[in-house]
């Protein structure tokens, strides 16, 4: 995942404007890894990078709880 660190207009996403703090790519837009990596480098003309790579938050792994015997079962006694 990437975070926007400098505002820019993405020519590959129909001119979508990315604001500082936005996630890249925007919802519904395709991530092209080579493009994202290029945007993390300092641009020659503007002398800034536009994206910063960030780790995606890891999902907590939950262990299934063991099935308890039902107390609602009727006995034949």
Protein backbone atom coordinates (compact mmCIF):
# COMPACT_ATOMS: atom_id res chain seq x y z
CA UNK A 1 0.00 0.00 0.00
CA UNK A 2 1.13 3.56 -0.62
CA UNK A 3 0.37 6.91 1.01
CA UNK A 4 0.43 10.21 -0.83
CA UNK A 5 3.09 12.56 0.56
CA UNK A 6 2.75 15.33 -2.06
CA UNK A 7 -0.39 16.34 -3.96
CA UNK A 8 -0.44 15.27 -7.60
CA UNK A 9 -2.69 14.57 -10.57
CA UNK A 10 -2.44 10.95 -11.74
CA UNK A 11 -2.52 10.79 -15.50
CA UNK A 12 -3.07 7.02 -15.38
CA UNK A 13 -6.24 7.35 -13.27
CA UNK A 14 -8.24 9.67 -15.51
CA UNK A 15 -6.64 12.76 -13.98
CA UNK A 16 -7.58 11.85 -10.40
CA UNK A 17 -6.18 14.36 -7.89
CA UNK A 18 -4.43 12.70 -4.96
CA UNK A 19 -4.18 14.76 -1.78
CA UNK A 20 -1.59 14.35 0.98
CA UNK A 21 -2.58 11.43 3.22
CA UNK A 22 -4.70 9.67 0.60
CA UNK A 23 -4.21 5.98 -0.08
CA UNK A 24 -2.84 5.07 -3.49
CA UNK A 25 -4.45 3.81 -5.61
CA UNK A 26 -7.90 5.27 -4.98
CA UNK A 27 -10.83 2.87 -4.59
CA UNK A 28 -11.71 1.32 -7.91
CA UNK A 29 -8.34 2.18 -9.48
CA UNK A 30 -5.79 -0.43 -10.48
CA UNK A 31 -2.36 -0.54 -8.84
CA UNK A 32 0.44 -0.67 -11.38
CA UNK A 33 3.46 -1.51 -9.23
CA UNK A 34 6.03 0.00 -11.60
CA UNK A 35 4.10 3.30 -11.67
CA UNK A 36 3.76 3.37 -7.87
CA UNK A 37 7.45 2.64 -7.42
CA UNK A 38 8.33 5.45 -9.84
CA UNK A 39 6.18 7.84 -7.80
CA UNK A 40 8.12 6.93 -4.64
CA UNK A 41 11.33 8.25 -6.21
CA UNK A 42 12.25 11.93 -6.30
CA UNK A 43 10.89 13.39 -9.54
CA UNK A 44 13.54 15.17 -11.62
CA UNK A 45 11.35 18.13 -12.58
CA UNK A 46 9.52 18.70 -9.27
CA UNK A 47 12.31 17.58 -6.91
CA UNK A 48 9.87 15.67 -4.66
CA UNK A 49 8.50 12.15 -4.32
CA UNK A 50 4.74 11.72 -4.44
CA UNK A 51 4.22 8.40 -2.69
CA UNK A 52 5.59 6.55 0.30
CA UNK A 53 5.33 2.78 0.63
CA UNK A 54 3.65 1.70 3.86
CA UNK A 55 3.01 -1.73 5.29
CA UNK A 56 -0.54 -2.89 5.19
CA UNK A 57 -1.91 -3.53 8.66
CA UNK A 58 -1.82 -7.23 9.44
CA UNK A 59 -5.13 -8.84 10.19
CA UNK A 60 -5.41 -10.47 13.59
CA UNK A 61 -5.51 -14.22 13.40
CA UNK A 62 -8.28 -15.65 15.50
CA UNK A 63 -8.29 -19.26 16.53
CA UNK A 64 -11.61 -21.05 16.25
CA UNK A 65 -13.10 -21.84 19.61
CA UNK A 66 -13.63 -25.52 20.33
CA UNK A 67 -17.23 -26.62 19.98
CA UNK A 68 -18.85 -27.10 23.35
CA UNK A 69 -21.35 -29.95 23.86
CA UNK A 70 -24.87 -28.71 23.67
CA UNK A 71 -26.85 -28.61 26.94
CA UNK A 72 -30.13 -28.35 25.07
CA UNK A 73 -30.10 -31.96 23.92
CA UNK A 74 -32.83 -34.12 25.37
CA UNK A 75 -31.86 -37.39 26.96
CA UNK A 76 -33.83 -40.64 26.54
CA UNK A 77 -33.94 -41.22 30.29
